[in-house]
Amino acid sequence: MKSQENLLLERITIIPGLMGGKPTIRGNRFTVIDILELLSSGMTNEEILEEHPILESDDIKAALLFSAKQIRDEYIYE
């Protein structure tokens, strides 16, 4: 069985040619950076989800987890 962390990270996709190869959410044109910028602007999770219905709550969690792992150099691109 996959851990919750692994399930969240599966939401992050890196597709060459899509958004310049930046990490995106579930293959959509919504990047991890977009989510981080929305959060840093002061928006709440609820506000982000309301304004961007393509996103799900776990997408925000996944973006934060992915970013934390990047900073720690723990994430390995597959």
PDB file of N, CA and C in Angstrom:
ATOM      1  N   MET A   1       0.840  -1.169   0.000  1.00  0.00           N
ATOM      2  CA  MET A   1       0.000   0.000   0.000  1.00  0.00           C
ATOM      3  C   MET A   1       0.897   1.249   0.000  1.00  0.00           C
ATOM      4  N   LYS A   2       0.507   2.245  -0.771  1.00  0.00           N
ATOM      5  CA  LYS A   2       1.285   3.470  -0.863  1.00  0.00           C
ATOM      6  C   LYS A   2       1.001   4.365   0.329  1.00  0.00           C
ATOM      7  N   SER A   3       2.047   5.043   0.768  1.00  0.00           N
ATOM      8  CA  SER A   3       1.877   5.974   1.883  1.00  0.00           C
ATOM      9  C   SER A   3       1.130   7.216   1.404  1.00  0.00           C
ATOM     10  N   GLN A   4       0.586   7.956   2.348  1.00  0.00           N
ATOM     11  CA  GLN A   4      -0.120   9.194   2.025  1.00  0.00           C
ATOM     12  C   GLN A   4       0.820  10.154   1.309  1.00  0.00           C
ATOM     13  N   GLU A   5       2.076  10.201   1.742  1.00  0.00           N
ATOM     14  CA  GLU A   5       3.060  11.078   1.117  1.00  0.00           C
ATOM     15  C   GLU A   5       3.256  10.723  -0.355  1.00  0.00           C
ATOM     16  N   ASN A   6       3.386   9.445  -0.643  1.00  0.00           N
ATOM     17  CA  ASN A   6       3.565   9.012  -2.036  1.00  0.00           C
ATOM     18  C   ASN A   6       2.332   9.318  -2.877  1.00  0.00           C
ATOM     19  N   LEU A   7       1.154   9.139  -2.300  1.00  0.00           N
ATOM     20  CA  LEU A   7      -0.073   9.447  -3.030  1.00  0.00           C
ATOM     21  C   LEU A   7      -0.141  10.934  -3.370  1.00  0.00           C
ATOM     22  N   LEU A   8       0.270  11.765  -2.438  1.00  0.00           N
ATOM     23  CA  LEU A   8       0.278  13.206  -2.705  1.00  0.00           C
ATOM     24  C   LEU A   8       1.283  13.541  -3.806  1.00  0.00           C
ATOM     25  N   LEU A   9       2.476  12.974  -3.727  1.00  0.00           N
ATOM     26  CA  LEU A   9       3.509  13.281  -4.717  1.00  0.00           C
ATOM     27  C   LEU A   9       3.137  12.801  -6.120  1.00  0.00           C
ATOM     28  N   GLU A  10       2.283  11.797  -6.225  1.00  0.00           N
ATOM     29  CA  GLU A  10       1.832  11.339  -7.542  1.00  0.00           C
ATOM     30  C   GLU A  10       1.007  12.404  -8.263  1.00  0.00           C
ATOM     31  N   ARG A  11       0.497  13.374  -7.523  1.00  0.00           N
ATOM     32  CA  ARG A  11      -0.275  14.460  -8.120  1.00  0.00           C
ATOM     33  C   ARG A  11       0.624  15.443  -8.869  1.00  0.00           C
ATOM     34  N   ILE A  12       1.908  15.434  -8.562  1.00  0.00           N
ATOM     35  CA  ILE A  12       2.859  16.344  -9.189  1.00  0.00           C
ATOM     36  C   ILE A  12       3.411  15.669 -10.439  1.00  0.00           C
ATOM     37  N   THR A  13       3.263  16.340 -11.563  1.00  0.00           N
ATOM     38  CA  THR A  13       3.725  15.780 -12.827  1.00  0.00           C
ATOM     39  C   THR A  13       4.720  16.732 -13.480  1.00  0.00           C
ATOM     40  N   ILE A  14       5.710  16.142 -14.101  1.00  0.00           N
ATOM     41  CA  ILE A  14       6.691  16.925 -14.853  1.00  0.00           C
ATOM     42  C   ILE A  14       6.665  16.384 -16.273  1.00  0.00           C
ATOM     43  N   ILE A  15       6.124  17.179 -17.163  1.00  0.00           N
ATOM     44  CA  ILE A  15       5.935  16.764 -18.553  1.00  0.00           C
ATOM     45  C   ILE A  15       6.709  17.727 -19.450  1.00  0.00           C
ATOM     46  N   PRO A  16       7.741  17.213 -20.141  1.00  0.00           N
ATOM     47  CA  PRO A  16       8.497  18.091 -21.032  1.00  0.00           C
ATOM     48  C   PRO A  16       7.546  18.793 -22.010  1.00  0.00           C
ATOM     49  N   GLY A  17       7.735  20.083 -22.159  1.00  0.00           N
ATOM     50  CA  GLY A  17       6.897  20.845 -23.078  1.00  0.00           C
ATOM     51  C   GLY A  17       5.658  21.449 -22.443  1.00  0.00           C
ATOM     52  N   LEU A  18       5.244  20.944 -21.299  1.00  0.00           N
ATOM     53  CA  LEU A  18       4.089  21.507 -20.605  1.00  0.00           C
ATOM     54  C   LEU A  18       4.595  22.486 -19.557  1.00  0.00           C
ATOM     55  N   MET A  19       4.242  23.736 -19.710  1.00  0.00           N
ATOM     56  CA  MET A  19       4.639  24.789 -18.776  1.00  0.00           C
ATOM     57  C   MET A  19       6.157  24.842 -18.608  1.00  0.00           C
ATOM     58  N   GLY A  20       6.858  24.630 -19.707  1.00  0.00           N
ATOM     59  CA  GLY A  20       8.318  24.710 -19.684  1.00  0.00           C
ATOM     60  C   GLY A  20       8.981  23.610 -18.876  1.00  0.00           C
ATOM     61  N   GLY A  21       8.270  22.511 -18.661  1.00  0.00           N
ATOM     62  CA  GLY A  21       8.820  21.401 -17.891  1.00  0.00           C
ATOM     63  C   GLY A  21       8.777  21.602 -16.390  1.00  0.00           C
ATOM     64  N   LYS A  22       8.083  22.665 -15.953  1.00  0.00           N
ATOM     65  CA  LYS A  22       7.952  22.911 -14.520  1.00  0.00           C
ATOM     66  C   LYS A  22       6.994  21.895 -13.914  1.00  0.00           C
ATOM     67  N   PRO A  23       7.147  21.597 -12.624  1.00  0.00           N
ATOM     68  CA  PRO A  23       6.223  20.680 -11.959  1.00  0.00           C
ATOM     69  C   PRO A  23       4.802  21.249 -11.979  1.00  0.00           C
ATOM     70  N   THR A  24       3.875  20.440 -12.445  1.00  0.00           N
ATOM     71  CA  THR A  24       2.480  20.847 -12.537  1.00  0.00           C
ATOM     72  C   THR A  24       1.601  19.931 -11.684  1.00  0.00           C
ATOM     73  N   ILE A  25       0.368  20.334 -11.552  1.00  0.00           N
ATOM     74  CA  ILE A  25      -0.608  19.565 -10.783  1.00  0.00           C
ATOM     75  C   ILE A  25      -1.409  18.676 -11.723  1.00  0.00           C
ATOM     76  N   ARG A  26      -1.262  17.376 -11.554  1.00  0.00           N
ATOM     77  CA  ARG A  26      -2.016  16.366 -12.297  1.00  0.00           C
ATOM     78  C   ARG A  26      -2.023  16.600 -13.806  1.00  0.00           C
ATOM     79  N   GLY A  27      -0.903  17.061 -14.349  1.00  0.00           N
ATOM     80  CA  GLY A  27      -0.795  17.232 -15.795  1.00  0.00           C
ATOM     81  C   GLY A  27      -1.560  18.413 -16.345  1.00  0.00           C
ATOM     82  N   ASN A  28      -2.076  19.262 -15.474  1.00  0.00           N
ATOM     83  CA  ASN A  28      -2.800  20.457 -15.898  1.00  0.00           C
ATOM     84  C   ASN A  28      -1.839  21.616 -16.064  1.00  0.00           C
ATOM     85  N   ARG A  29      -2.319  22.702 -16.586  1.00  0.00           N
ATOM     86  CA  ARG A  29      -1.495  23.891 -16.788  1.00  0.00           C
ATOM     87  C   ARG A  29      -1.498  24.764 -15.532  1.00  0.00           C
ATOM     88  N   PHE A  30      -1.344  24.122 -14.404  1.00  0.00           N
ATOM     89  CA  PHE A  30      -1.303  24.796 -13.106  1.00  0.00           C
ATOM     90  C   PHE A  30      -0.056  24.294 -12.397  1.00  0.00           C
ATOM     91  N   THR A  31       0.911  25.184 -12.166  1.00  0.00           N
ATOM     92  CA  THR A  31       2.190  24.746 -11.617  1.00  0.00           C
ATOM     93  C   THR A  31       2.213  24.788 -10.092  1.00  0.00           C
ATOM     94  N   VAL A  32       3.171  24.067  -9.550  1.00  0.00           N
ATOM     95  CA  VAL A  32       3.424  24.102  -8.110  1.00  0.00           C
ATOM     96  C   VAL A  32       3.723  25.540  -7.695  1.00  0.00           C
ATOM     97  N   ILE A  33       4.498  26.238  -8.518  1.00  0.00           N
ATOM     98  CA  ILE A  33       4.840  27.626  -8.214  1.00  0.00           C
ATOM     99  C   ILE A  33       3.584  28.493  -8.125  1.00  0.00           C
ATOM    100  N   ASP A  34       2.614  28.255  -9.012  1.00  0.00           N
ATOM    101  CA  ASP A  34       1.359  29.010  -8.954  1.00  0.00           C
ATOM    102  C   ASP A  34       0.701  28.881  -7.580  1.00  0.00           C
ATOM    103  N   ILE A  35       0.660  27.667  -7.067  1.00  0.00           N
ATOM    104  CA  ILE A  35       0.030  27.430  -5.764  1.00  0.00           C
ATOM    105  C   ILE A  35       0.808  28.129  -4.659  1.00  0.00           C
ATOM    106  N   LEU A  36       2.131  28.028  -4.705  1.00  0.00           N
ATOM    107  CA  LEU A  36       2.949  28.684  -3.688  1.00  0.00           C
ATOM    108  C   LEU A  36       2.757  30.199  -3.709  1.00  0.00           C
ATOM    109  N   GLU A  37       2.678  30.768  -4.896  1.00  0.00           N
ATOM    110  CA  GLU A  37       2.473  32.219  -5.004  1.00  0.00           C
ATOM    111  C   GLU A  37       1.108  32.640  -4.475  1.00  0.00           C
ATOM    112  N   LEU A  38       0.091  31.830  -4.740  1.00  0.00           N
ATOM    113  CA  LEU A  38      -1.242  32.144  -4.214  1.00  0.00           C
ATOM    114  C   LEU A  38      -1.235  32.101  -2.693  1.00  0.00           C
ATOM    115  N   LEU A  39      -0.600  31.085  -2.127  1.00  0.00           N
ATOM    116  CA  LEU A  39      -0.518  30.988  -0.669  1.00  0.00           C
ATOM    117  C   LEU A  39       0.282  32.144  -0.084  1.00  0.00           C
ATOM    118  N   SER A  40       1.385  32.490  -0.734  1.00  0.00           N
ATOM    119  CA  SER A  40       2.219  33.575  -0.195  1.00  0.00           C
ATOM    120  C   SER A  40       1.543  34.937  -0.327  1.00  0.00           C
ATOM    121  N   SER A  41       0.563  35.040  -1.218  1.00  0.00           N
ATOM    122  CA  SER A  41      -0.172  36.296  -1.346  1.00  0.00           C
ATOM    123  C   SER A  41      -1.186  36.480  -0.220  1.00  0.00           C
ATOM    124  N   GLY A  42      -1.362  35.425   0.573  1.00  0.00           N
ATOM    125  CA  GLY A  42      -2.289  35.508   1.699  1.00  0.00           C
ATOM    126  C   GLY A  42      -3.596  34.770   1.488  1.00  0.00           C
ATOM    127  N   MET A  43      -3.770  34.179   0.312  1.00  0.00           N
ATOM    128  CA  MET A  43      -5.011  33.436   0.074  1.00  0.00           C
ATOM    129  C   MET A  43      -5.042  32.186   0.948  1.00  0.00           C
ATOM    130  N   THR A  44      -6.216  31.849   1.418  1.00  0.00           N
ATOM    131  CA  THR A  44      -6.391  30.604   2.167  1.00  0.00           C
ATOM    132  C   THR A  44      -6.601  29.452   1.187  1.00  0.00           C
ATOM    133  N   ASN A  45      -6.466  28.251   1.693  1.00  0.00           N
ATOM    134  CA  ASN A  45      -6.745  27.070   0.860  1.00  0.00           C
ATOM    135  C   ASN A  45      -8.147  27.152   0.278  1.00  0.00           C
ATOM    136  N   GLU A  46      -9.101  27.543   1.114  1.00  0.00           N
ATOM    137  CA  GLU A  46     -10.489  27.611   0.673  1.00  0.00           C
ATOM    138  C   GLU A  46     -10.666  28.637  -0.447  1.00  0.00           C
ATOM    139  N   GLU A  47     -10.019  29.780  -0.322  1.00  0.00           N
ATOM    140  CA  GLU A  47     -10.104  30.805  -1.365  1.00  0.00           C
ATOM    141  C   GLU A  47      -9.484  30.321  -2.673  1.00  0.00           C
ATOM    142  N   ILE A  48      -8.364  29.631  -2.569  1.00  0.00           N
ATOM    143  CA  ILE A  48      -7.709  29.100  -3.773  1.00  0.00           C
ATOM    144  C   ILE A  48      -8.613  28.098  -4.463  1.00  0.00           C
ATOM    145  N   LEU A  49      -9.199  27.199  -3.694  1.00  0.00           N
ATOM    146  CA  LEU A  49     -10.067  26.170  -4.269  1.00  0.00           C
ATOM    147  C   LEU A  49     -11.320  26.775  -4.882  1.00  0.00           C
ATOM    148  N   GLU A  50     -11.835  27.821  -4.266  1.00  0.00           N
ATOM    149  CA  GLU A  50     -13.027  28.480  -4.801  1.00  0.00           C
ATOM    150  C   GLU A  50     -12.708  29.207  -6.109  1.00  0.00           C
ATOM    151  N   GLU A  51     -11.567  29.862  -6.152  1.00  0.00           N
ATOM    152  CA  GLU A  51     -11.180  30.634  -7.329  1.00  0.00           C
ATOM    153  C   GLU A  51     -10.674  29.749  -8.474  1.00  0.00           C
ATOM    154  N   HIS A  52     -10.165  28.578  -8.137  1.00  0.00           N
ATOM    155  CA  HIS A  52      -9.592  27.679  -9.148  1.00  0.00           C
ATOM    156  C   HIS A  52     -10.209  26.282  -8.986  1.00  0.00           C
ATOM    157  N   PRO A  53     -11.406  26.077  -9.518  1.00  0.00           N
ATOM    158  CA  PRO A  53     -12.124  24.817  -9.302  1.00  0.00           C
ATOM    159  C   PRO A  53     -11.425  23.576  -9.867  1.00  0.00           C
ATOM    160  N   ILE A  54     -10.416  23.767 -10.714  1.00  0.00           N
ATOM    161  CA  ILE A  54      -9.674  22.617 -11.230  1.00  0.00           C
ATOM    162  C   ILE A  54      -8.836  21.963 -10.128  1.00  0.00           C
ATOM    163  N   LEU A  55      -8.542  22.736  -9.080  1.00  0.00           N
ATOM    164  CA  LEU A  55      -7.708  22.238  -7.988  1.00  0.00           C
ATOM    165  C   LEU A  55      -8.528  21.525  -6.926  1.00  0.00           C
ATOM    166  N   GLU A  56      -7.860  20.608  -6.246  1.00  0.00           N
ATOM    167  CA  GLU A  56      -8.436  19.888  -5.118  1.00  0.00           C
ATOM    168  C   GLU A  56      -7.568  20.156  -3.894  1.00  0.00           C
ATOM    169  N   SER A  57      -8.117  19.947  -2.729  1.00  0.00           N
ATOM    170  CA  SER A  57      -7.400  20.199  -1.485  1.00  0.00           C
ATOM    171  C   SER A  57      -6.063  19.463  -1.443  1.00  0.00           C
ATOM    172  N   ASP A  58      -6.052  18.222  -1.877  1.00  0.00           N
ATOM    173  CA  ASP A  58      -4.805  17.450  -1.870  1.00  0.00           C
ATOM    174  C   ASP A  58      -3.767  18.003  -2.855  1.00  0.00           C
ATOM    175  N   ASP A  59      -4.201  18.757  -3.853  1.00  0.00           N
ATOM    176  CA  ASP A  59      -3.246  19.384  -4.768  1.00  0.00           C
ATOM    177  C   ASP A  59      -2.404  20.419  -4.029  1.00  0.00           C
ATOM    178  N   ILE A  60      -3.038  21.175  -3.149  1.00  0.00           N
ATOM    179  CA  ILE A  60      -2.311  22.174  -2.373  1.00  0.00           C
ATOM    180  C   ILE A  60      -1.336  21.485  -1.428  1.00  0.00           C
ATOM    181  N   LYS A  61      -1.793  20.433  -0.770  1.00  0.00           N
ATOM    182  CA  LYS A  61      -0.906  19.664   0.113  1.00  0.00           C
ATOM    183  C   LYS A  61       0.262  19.092  -0.676  1.00  0.00           C
ATOM    184  N   ALA A  62      -0.017  18.587  -1.865  1.00  0.00           N
ATOM    185  CA  ALA A  62       1.036  17.998  -2.698  1.00  0.00           C
ATOM    186  C   ALA A  62       2.068  19.048  -3.100  1.00  0.00           C
ATOM    187  N   ALA A  63       1.607  20.241  -3.458  1.00  0.00           N
ATOM    188  CA  ALA A  63       2.525  21.308  -3.852  1.00  0.00           C
ATOM    189  C   ALA A  63       3.442  21.689  -2.691  1.00  0.00           C
ATOM    190  N   LEU A  64       2.894  21.763  -1.502  1.00  0.00           N
ATOM    191  CA  LEU A  64       3.702  22.099  -0.329  1.00  0.00           C
ATOM    192  C   LEU A  64       4.697  20.987  -0.004  1.00  0.00           C
ATOM    193  N   LEU A  65       4.251  19.746  -0.058  1.00  0.00           N
ATOM    194  CA  LEU A  65       5.127  18.614   0.211  1.00  0.00           C
ATOM    195  C   LEU A  65       6.252  18.542  -0.818  1.00  0.00           C
ATOM    196  N   PHE A  66       5.911  18.670  -2.083  1.00  0.00           N
ATOM    197  CA  PHE A  66       6.904  18.630  -3.159  1.00  0.00           C
ATOM    198  C   PHE A  66       7.949  19.729  -2.945  1.00  0.00           C
ATOM    199  N   SER A  67       7.491  20.917  -2.624  1.00  0.00           N
ATOM    200  CA  SER A  67       8.393  22.051  -2.421  1.00  0.00           C
ATOM    201  C   SER A  67       9.319  21.812  -1.235  1.00  0.00           C
ATOM    202  N   ALA A  68       8.775  21.301  -0.154  1.00  0.00           N
ATOM    203  CA  ALA A  68       9.598  21.010   1.026  1.00  0.00           C
ATOM    204  C   ALA A  68      10.674  19.984   0.692  1.00  0.00           C
ATOM    205  N   LYS A  69      10.296  18.966  -0.065  1.00  0.00           N
ATOM    206  CA  LYS A  69      11.275  17.947  -0.444  1.00  0.00           C
ATOM    207  C   LYS A  69      12.330  18.509  -1.386  1.00  0.00           C
ATOM    208  N   GLN A  70      11.944  19.407  -2.264  1.00  0.00           N
ATOM    209  CA  GLN A  70      12.910  20.036  -3.160  1.00  0.00           C
ATOM    210  C   GLN A  70      13.939  20.825  -2.354  1.00  0.00           C
ATOM    211  N   ILE A  71      13.468  21.549  -1.370  1.00  0.00           N
ATOM    212  CA  ILE A  71      14.375  22.357  -0.566  1.00  0.00           C
ATOM    213  C   ILE A  71      15.328  21.459   0.217  1.00  0.00           C
ATOM    214  N   ARG A  72      14.838  20.326   0.663  1.00  0.00           N
ATOM    215  CA  ARG A  72      15.680  19.374   1.399  1.00  0.00           C
ATOM    216  C   ARG A  72      16.540  18.524   0.469  1.00  0.00           C
ATOM    217  N   ASP A  73      16.339  18.652  -0.834  1.00  0.00           N
ATOM    218  CA  ASP A  73      17.050  17.814  -1.819  1.00  0.00           C
ATOM    219  C   ASP A  73      16.732  16.337  -1.648  1.00  0.00           C
ATOM    220  N   GLU A  74      15.525  16.039  -1.185  1.00  0.00           N
ATOM    221  CA  GLU A  74      15.154  14.647  -1.000  1.00  0.00           C
ATOM    222  C   GLU A  74      14.429  14.080  -2.209  1.00  0.00           C
ATOM    223  N   TYR A  75      13.822  14.912  -3.001  1.00  0.00           N
ATOM    224  CA  TYR A  75      13.019  14.404  -4.113  1.00  0.00           C
ATOM    225  C   TYR A  75      13.925  13.993  -5.253  1.00  0.00           C
ATOM    226  N   ILE A  76      13.654  12.838  -5.799  1.00  0.00           N
ATOM    227  CA  ILE A  76      14.428  12.339  -6.931  1.00  0.00           C
ATOM    228  C   ILE A  76      13.511  12.262  -8.126  1.00  0.00           C
ATOM    229  N   TYR A  77      13.888  12.928  -9.205  1.00  0.00           N
ATOM    230  CA  TYR A  77      13.100  12.871 -10.437  1.00  0.00           C
ATOM    231  C   TYR A  77      13.176  11.482 -11.022  1.00  0.00           C
ATOM    232  N   GLU A  78      12.044  10.963 -11.406  1.00  0.00           N
ATOM    233  CA  GLU A  78      12.022   9.611 -11.986  1.00  0.00           C
ATOM    234  C   GLU A  78      11.764   9.688 -13.462  1.00  0.00           C
TER     235      GLU A  78
END
